[in-house]
Amino acid sequence: MNETPIDTGAAVLVSALPLDKLRRTIATRCLDRLARPWDEMVQWLVAYKKQHRHLTLEPMGPRRCL
């Protein structure tokens, strides 16, 4: 099989990046993406409690969004 420059580059990248580091990097990025919506919902709940003085929320229906 002939190696093209893209094949060579991919091989270098894979050999230079240990699997455990790749896993940690992916996990960190996933957590970063989840943290933002979570923080926004917490801020929404804080504002709701400030306005209504309670956190008793109605159950959400299948298509209802906060």
PDB file of N, CA and C in Angstrom:
ATOM      1  N   MET A   1       0.844  -1.182   0.000  1.00  0.00           N
ATOM      2  CA  MET A   1       0.000   0.000   0.000  1.00  0.00           C
ATOM      3  C   MET A   1       0.886   1.241   0.000  1.00  0.00           C
ATOM      4  N   ASN A   2       0.580   2.175  -0.851  1.00  0.00           N
ATOM      5  CA  ASN A   2       1.319   3.429  -0.920  1.00  0.00           C
ATOM      6  C   ASN A   2       0.769   4.402   0.113  1.00  0.00           C
ATOM      7  N   GLU A   3       1.661   5.024   0.864  1.00  0.00           N
ATOM      8  CA  GLU A   3       1.239   6.035   1.827  1.00  0.00           C
ATOM      9  C   GLU A   3       1.179   7.381   1.153  1.00  0.00           C
ATOM     10  N   THR A   4       0.051   8.035   1.282  1.00  0.00           N
ATOM     11  CA  THR A   4      -0.075   9.395   0.790  1.00  0.00           C
ATOM     12  C   THR A   4       0.269  10.317   1.944  1.00  0.00           C
ATOM     13  N   PRO A   5       0.512  11.603   1.673  1.00  0.00           N
ATOM     14  CA  PRO A   5       0.826  12.528   2.765  1.00  0.00           C
ATOM     15  C   PRO A   5      -0.238  12.543   3.854  1.00  0.00           C
ATOM     16  N   ILE A   6      -1.506  12.382   3.501  1.00  0.00           N
ATOM     17  CA  ILE A   6      -2.548  12.400   4.525  1.00  0.00           C
ATOM     18  C   ILE A   6      -2.447  11.150   5.406  1.00  0.00           C
ATOM     19  N   ASP A   7      -2.119  10.011   4.814  1.00  0.00           N
ATOM     20  CA  ASP A   7      -1.936   8.792   5.604  1.00  0.00           C
ATOM     21  C   ASP A   7      -0.766   8.942   6.565  1.00  0.00           C
ATOM     22  N   THR A   8       0.309   9.514   6.095  1.00  0.00           N
ATOM     23  CA  THR A   8       1.484   9.710   6.930  1.00  0.00           C
ATOM     24  C   THR A   8       1.172  10.654   8.082  1.00  0.00           C
ATOM     25  N   GLY A   9       0.463  11.733   7.787  1.00  0.00           N
ATOM     26  CA  GLY A   9       0.101  12.687   8.833  1.00  0.00           C
ATOM     27  C   GLY A   9      -0.783  12.071   9.885  1.00  0.00           C
ATOM     28  N   ALA A  10      -1.729  11.242   9.465  1.00  0.00           N
ATOM     29  CA  ALA A  10      -2.624  10.584  10.414  1.00  0.00           C
ATOM     30  C   ALA A  10      -1.841   9.612  11.283  1.00  0.00           C
ATOM     31  N   ALA A  11      -0.912   8.907  10.709  1.00  0.00           N
ATOM     32  CA  ALA A  11      -0.115   7.961  11.482  1.00  0.00           C
ATOM     33  C   ALA A  11       0.727   8.686  12.523  1.00  0.00           C
ATOM     34  N   VAL A  12       1.289   9.811  12.160  1.00  0.00           N
ATOM     35  CA  VAL A  12       2.092  10.593  13.099  1.00  0.00           C
ATOM     36  C   VAL A  12       1.218  11.118  14.231  1.00  0.00           C
ATOM     37  N   LEU A  13       0.044  11.609  13.900  1.00  0.00           N
ATOM     38  CA  LEU A  13      -0.866  12.144  14.908  1.00  0.00           C
ATOM     39  C   LEU A  13      -1.286  11.063  15.892  1.00  0.00           C
ATOM     40  N   VAL A  14      -1.648   9.904  15.386  1.00  0.00           N
ATOM     41  CA  VAL A  14      -2.089   8.812  16.248  1.00  0.00           C
ATOM     42  C   VAL A  14      -0.953   8.338  17.133  1.00  0.00           C
ATOM     43  N   SER A  15       0.228   8.206  16.600  1.00  0.00           N
ATOM     44  CA  SER A  15       1.333   7.710  17.413  1.00  0.00           C
ATOM     45  C   SER A  15       1.805   8.754  18.420  1.00  0.00           C
ATOM     46  N   ALA A  16       1.554  10.033  18.168  1.00  0.00           N
ATOM     47  CA  ALA A  16       2.007  11.079  19.077  1.00  0.00           C
ATOM     48  C   ALA A  16       1.006  11.349  20.201  1.00  0.00           C
ATOM     49  N   LEU A  17      -0.208  10.813  20.108  1.00  0.00           N
ATOM     50  CA  LEU A  17      -1.250  11.094  21.085  1.00  0.00           C
ATOM     51  C   LEU A  17      -1.639   9.804  21.803  1.00  0.00           C
ATOM     52  N   PRO A  18      -1.244   9.660  23.065  1.00  0.00           N
ATOM     53  CA  PRO A  18      -1.605   8.451  23.805  1.00  0.00           C
ATOM     54  C   PRO A  18      -3.123   8.340  23.964  1.00  0.00           C
ATOM     55  N   LEU A  19      -3.613   7.121  23.989  1.00  0.00           N
ATOM     56  CA  LEU A  19      -5.044   6.866  24.062  1.00  0.00           C
ATOM     57  C   LEU A  19      -5.671   7.477  25.311  1.00  0.00           C
ATOM     58  N   ASP A  20      -5.012   7.404  26.463  1.00  0.00           N
ATOM     59  CA  ASP A  20      -5.589   7.972  27.691  1.00  0.00           C
ATOM     60  C   ASP A  20      -5.720   9.495  27.594  1.00  0.00           C
ATOM     61  N   LYS A  21      -4.779  10.150  26.940  1.00  0.00           N
ATOM     62  CA  LYS A  21      -4.877  11.601  26.759  1.00  0.00           C
ATOM     63  C   LYS A  21      -6.028  11.941  25.818  1.00  0.00           C
ATOM     64  N   LEU A  22      -6.199  11.157  24.765  1.00  0.00           N
ATOM     65  CA  LEU A  22      -7.308  11.352  23.839  1.00  0.00           C
ATOM     66  C   LEU A  22      -8.633  11.197  24.578  1.00  0.00           C
ATOM     67  N   ARG A  23      -8.759  10.175  25.422  1.00  0.00           N
ATOM     68  CA  ARG A  23      -9.984   9.968  26.197  1.00  0.00           C
ATOM     69  C   ARG A  23     -10.261  11.147  27.121  1.00  0.00           C
ATOM     70  N   ARG A  24      -9.244  11.631  27.817  1.00  0.00           N
ATOM     71  CA  ARG A  24      -9.428  12.776  28.724  1.00  0.00           C
ATOM     72  C   ARG A  24      -9.847  14.027  27.960  1.00  0.00           C
ATOM     73  N   THR A  25      -9.246  14.227  26.786  1.00  0.00           N
ATOM     74  CA  THR A  25      -9.582  15.391  25.969  1.00  0.00           C
ATOM     75  C   THR A  25     -11.033  15.333  25.517  1.00  0.00           C
ATOM     76  N   ILE A  26     -11.463  14.185  25.063  1.00  0.00           N
ATOM     77  CA  ILE A  26     -12.852  14.026  24.627  1.00  0.00           C
ATOM     78  C   ILE A  26     -13.799  14.221  25.802  1.00  0.00           C
ATOM     79  N   ALA A  27     -13.490  13.632  26.946  1.00  0.00           N
ATOM     80  CA  ALA A  27     -14.341  13.768  28.131  1.00  0.00           C
ATOM     81  C   ALA A  27     -14.436  15.227  28.558  1.00  0.00           C
ATOM     82  N   THR A  28     -13.331  15.949  28.520  1.00  0.00           N
ATOM     83  CA  THR A  28     -13.325  17.364  28.897  1.00  0.00           C
ATOM     84  C   THR A  28     -14.211  18.169  27.967  1.00  0.00           C
ATOM     85  N   ARG A  29     -14.110  17.924  26.691  1.00  0.00           N
ATOM     86  CA  ARG A  29     -14.943  18.667  25.730  1.00  0.00           C
ATOM     87  C   ARG A  29     -16.417  18.347  25.918  1.00  0.00           C
ATOM     88  N   CYS A  30     -16.737  17.097  26.196  1.00  0.00           N
ATOM     89  CA  CYS A  30     -18.142  16.723  26.444  1.00  0.00           C
ATOM     90  C   CYS A  30     -18.664  17.442  27.685  1.00  0.00           C
ATOM     91  N   LEU A  31     -17.883  17.453  28.747  1.00  0.00           N
ATOM     92  CA  LEU A  31     -18.305  18.128  29.976  1.00  0.00           C
ATOM     93  C   LEU A  31     -18.460  19.623  29.761  1.00  0.00           C
ATOM     94  N   ASP A  32     -17.566  20.217  28.987  1.00  0.00           N
ATOM     95  CA  ASP A  32     -17.675  21.651  28.693  1.00  0.00           C
ATOM     96  C   ASP A  32     -18.983  21.962  27.972  1.00  0.00           C
ATOM     97  N   ARG A  33     -19.362  21.097  27.051  1.00  0.00           N
ATOM     98  CA  ARG A  33     -20.612  21.324  26.305  1.00  0.00           C
ATOM     99  C   ARG A  33     -21.838  21.120  27.186  1.00  0.00           C
ATOM    100  N   LEU A  34     -21.763  20.208  28.138  1.00  0.00           N
ATOM    101  CA  LEU A  34     -22.884  19.974  29.044  1.00  0.00           C
ATOM    102  C   LEU A  34     -22.986  21.047  30.113  1.00  0.00           C
ATOM    103  N   ALA A  35     -21.873  21.589  30.547  1.00  0.00           N
ATOM    104  CA  ALA A  35     -21.850  22.556  31.648  1.00  0.00           C
ATOM    105  C   ALA A  35     -22.584  23.837  31.280  1.00  0.00           C
ATOM    106  N   ARG A  36     -22.462  24.284  30.078  1.00  0.00           N
ATOM    107  CA  ARG A  36     -23.092  25.545  29.676  1.00  0.00           C
ATOM    108  C   ARG A  36     -24.615  25.493  29.790  1.00  0.00           C
ATOM    109  N   PRO A  37     -25.289  24.488  29.194  1.00  0.00           N
ATOM    110  CA  PRO A  37     -26.747  24.425  29.369  1.00  0.00           C
ATOM    111  C   PRO A  37     -27.148  24.238  30.832  1.00  0.00           C
ATOM    112  N   TRP A  38     -26.355  23.484  31.578  1.00  0.00           N
ATOM    113  CA  TRP A  38     -26.643  23.272  33.000  1.00  0.00           C
ATOM    114  C   TRP A  38     -26.587  24.606  33.735  1.00  0.00           C
ATOM    115  N   ASP A  39     -25.560  25.382  33.510  1.00  0.00           N
ATOM    116  CA  ASP A  39     -25.423  26.688  34.157  1.00  0.00           C
ATOM    117  C   ASP A  39     -26.582  27.611  33.794  1.00  0.00           C
ATOM    118  N   GLU A  40     -27.010  27.562  32.536  1.00  0.00           N
ATOM    119  CA  GLU A  40     -28.133  28.398  32.111  1.00  0.00           C
ATOM    120  C   GLU A  40     -29.424  27.999  32.828  1.00  0.00           C
ATOM    121  N   MET A  41     -29.643  26.702  33.010  1.00  0.00           N
ATOM    122  CA  MET A  41     -30.845  26.248  33.713  1.00  0.00           C
ATOM    123  C   MET A  41     -30.800  26.635  35.199  1.00  0.00           C
ATOM    124  N   VAL A  42     -29.644  26.552  35.805  1.00  0.00           N
ATOM    125  CA  VAL A  42     -29.514  26.961  37.209  1.00  0.00           C
ATOM    126  C   VAL A  42     -29.812  28.454  37.337  1.00  0.00           C
ATOM    127  N   GLN A  43     -29.300  29.256  36.420  1.00  0.00           N
ATOM    128  CA  GLN A  43     -29.593  30.695  36.442  1.00  0.00           C
ATOM    129  C   GLN A  43     -31.083  30.948  36.261  1.00  0.00           C
ATOM    130  N   TRP A  44     -31.729  30.174  35.394  1.00  0.00           N
ATOM    131  CA  TRP A  44     -33.169  30.317  35.189  1.00  0.00           C
ATOM    132  C   TRP A  44     -33.920  29.994  36.476  1.00  0.00           C
ATOM    133  N   LEU A  45     -33.511  28.917  37.175  1.00  0.00           N
ATOM    134  CA  LEU A  45     -34.168  28.547  38.429  1.00  0.00           C
ATOM    135  C   LEU A  45     -33.967  29.603  39.506  1.00  0.00           C
ATOM    136  N   VAL A  46     -32.798  30.176  39.585  1.00  0.00           N
ATOM    137  CA  VAL A  46     -32.531  31.240  40.560  1.00  0.00           C
ATOM    138  C   VAL A  46     -33.428  32.438  40.286  1.00  0.00           C
ATOM    139  N   ALA A  47     -33.558  32.823  39.036  1.00  0.00           N
ATOM    140  CA  ALA A  47     -34.421  33.953  38.671  1.00  0.00           C
ATOM    141  C   ALA A  47     -35.883  33.625  38.957  1.00  0.00           C
ATOM    142  N   TYR A  48     -36.303  32.396  38.682  1.00  0.00           N
ATOM    143  CA  TYR A  48     -37.686  31.977  38.944  1.00  0.00           C
ATOM    144  C   TYR A  48     -37.984  32.055  40.443  1.00  0.00           C
ATOM    145  N   LYS A  49     -37.059  31.538  41.264  1.00  0.00           N
ATOM    146  CA  LYS A  49     -37.267  31.565  42.708  1.00  0.00           C
ATOM    147  C   LYS A  49     -37.313  33.000  43.231  1.00  0.00           C
ATOM    148  N   LYS A  50     -36.478  33.850  42.695  1.00  0.00           N
ATOM    149  CA  LYS A  50     -36.468  35.245  43.119  1.00  0.00           C
ATOM    150  C   LYS A  50     -37.809  35.912  42.807  1.00  0.00           C
ATOM    151  N   GLN A  51     -38.382  35.596  41.662  1.00  0.00           N
ATOM    152  CA  GLN A  51     -39.647  36.201  41.255  1.00  0.00           C
ATOM    153  C   GLN A  51     -40.842  35.584  41.988  1.00  0.00           C
ATOM    154  N   HIS A  52     -40.861  34.248  42.143  1.00  0.00           N
ATOM    155  CA  HIS A  52     -42.035  33.557  42.675  1.00  0.00           C
ATOM    156  C   HIS A  52     -41.893  33.111  44.130  1.00  0.00           C
ATOM    157  N   ARG A  53     -40.689  33.210  44.666  1.00  0.00           N
ATOM    158  CA  ARG A  53     -40.380  32.827  46.047  1.00  0.00           C
ATOM    159  C   ARG A  53     -40.593  31.344  46.331  1.00  0.00           C
ATOM    160  N   HIS A  54     -40.551  30.530  45.336  1.00  0.00           N
ATOM    161  CA  HIS A  54     -40.613  29.068  45.496  1.00  0.00           C
ATOM    162  C   HIS A  54     -40.062  28.424  44.221  1.00  0.00           C
ATOM    163  N   LEU A  55     -39.837  27.123  44.299  1.00  0.00           N
ATOM    164  CA  LEU A  55     -39.357  26.385  43.130  1.00  0.00           C
ATOM    165  C   LEU A  55     -40.330  25.267  42.745  1.00  0.00           C
ATOM    166  N   THR A  56     -41.593  25.418  43.103  1.00  0.00           N
ATOM    167  CA  THR A  56     -42.594  24.436  42.728  1.00  0.00           C
ATOM    168  C   THR A  56     -42.975  24.678  41.267  1.00  0.00           C
ATOM    169  N   LEU A  57     -42.498  23.818  40.406  1.00  0.00           N
ATOM    170  CA  LEU A  57     -42.721  23.974  38.973  1.00  0.00           C
ATOM    171  C   LEU A  57     -43.762  22.968  38.504  1.00  0.00           C
ATOM    172  N   GLU A  58     -44.524  23.348  37.494  1.00  0.00           N
ATOM    173  CA  GLU A  58     -45.469  22.424  36.889  1.00  0.00           C
ATOM    174  C   GLU A  58     -44.682  21.378  36.105  1.00  0.00           C
ATOM    175  N   PRO A  59     -45.205  20.140  36.062  1.00  0.00           N
ATOM    176  CA  PRO A  59     -44.516  19.113  35.249  1.00  0.00           C
ATOM    177  C   PRO A  59     -44.497  19.536  33.789  1.00  0.00           C
ATOM    178  N   MET A  60     -43.417  19.202  33.134  1.00  0.00           N
ATOM    179  CA  MET A  60     -43.278  19.551  31.719  1.00  0.00           C
ATOM    180  C   MET A  60     -43.955  18.500  30.871  1.00  0.00           C
ATOM    181  N   GLY A  61     -44.706  18.949  29.873  1.00  0.00           N
ATOM    182  CA  GLY A  61     -45.308  18.039  28.915  1.00  0.00           C
ATOM    183  C   GLY A  61     -44.269  17.584  27.912  1.00  0.00           C
ATOM    184  N   PRO A  62     -44.661  16.712  27.001  1.00  0.00           N
ATOM    185  CA  PRO A  62     -43.675  16.179  26.046  1.00  0.00           C
ATOM    186  C   PRO A  62     -43.057  17.230  25.123  1.00  0.00           C
ATOM    187  N   ARG A  63     -43.758  18.335  24.856  1.00  0.00           N
ATOM    188  CA  ARG A  63     -43.213  19.351  23.930  1.00  0.00           C
ATOM    189  C   ARG A  63     -43.047  20.697  24.591  1.00  0.00           C
ATOM    190  N   ARG A  64     -43.194  20.776  25.892  1.00  0.00           N
ATOM    191  CA  ARG A  64     -43.086  22.057  26.578  1.00  0.00           C
ATOM    192  C   ARG A  64     -41.640  22.318  26.962  1.00  0.00           C
ATOM    193  N   CYS A  65     -41.186  23.512  26.736  1.00  0.00           N
ATOM    194  CA  CYS A  65     -39.823  23.899  27.083  1.00  0.00           C
ATOM    195  C   CYS A  65     -39.890  24.987  28.143  1.00  0.00           C
ATOM    196  N   LEU A  66     -38.860  25.044  28.987  1.00  0.00           N
ATOM    197  CA  LEU A  66     -38.803  26.086  30.016  1.00  0.00           C
ATOM    198  C   LEU A  66     -38.453  27.406  29.425  1.00  0.00           C
TER     199      LEU A  66
END
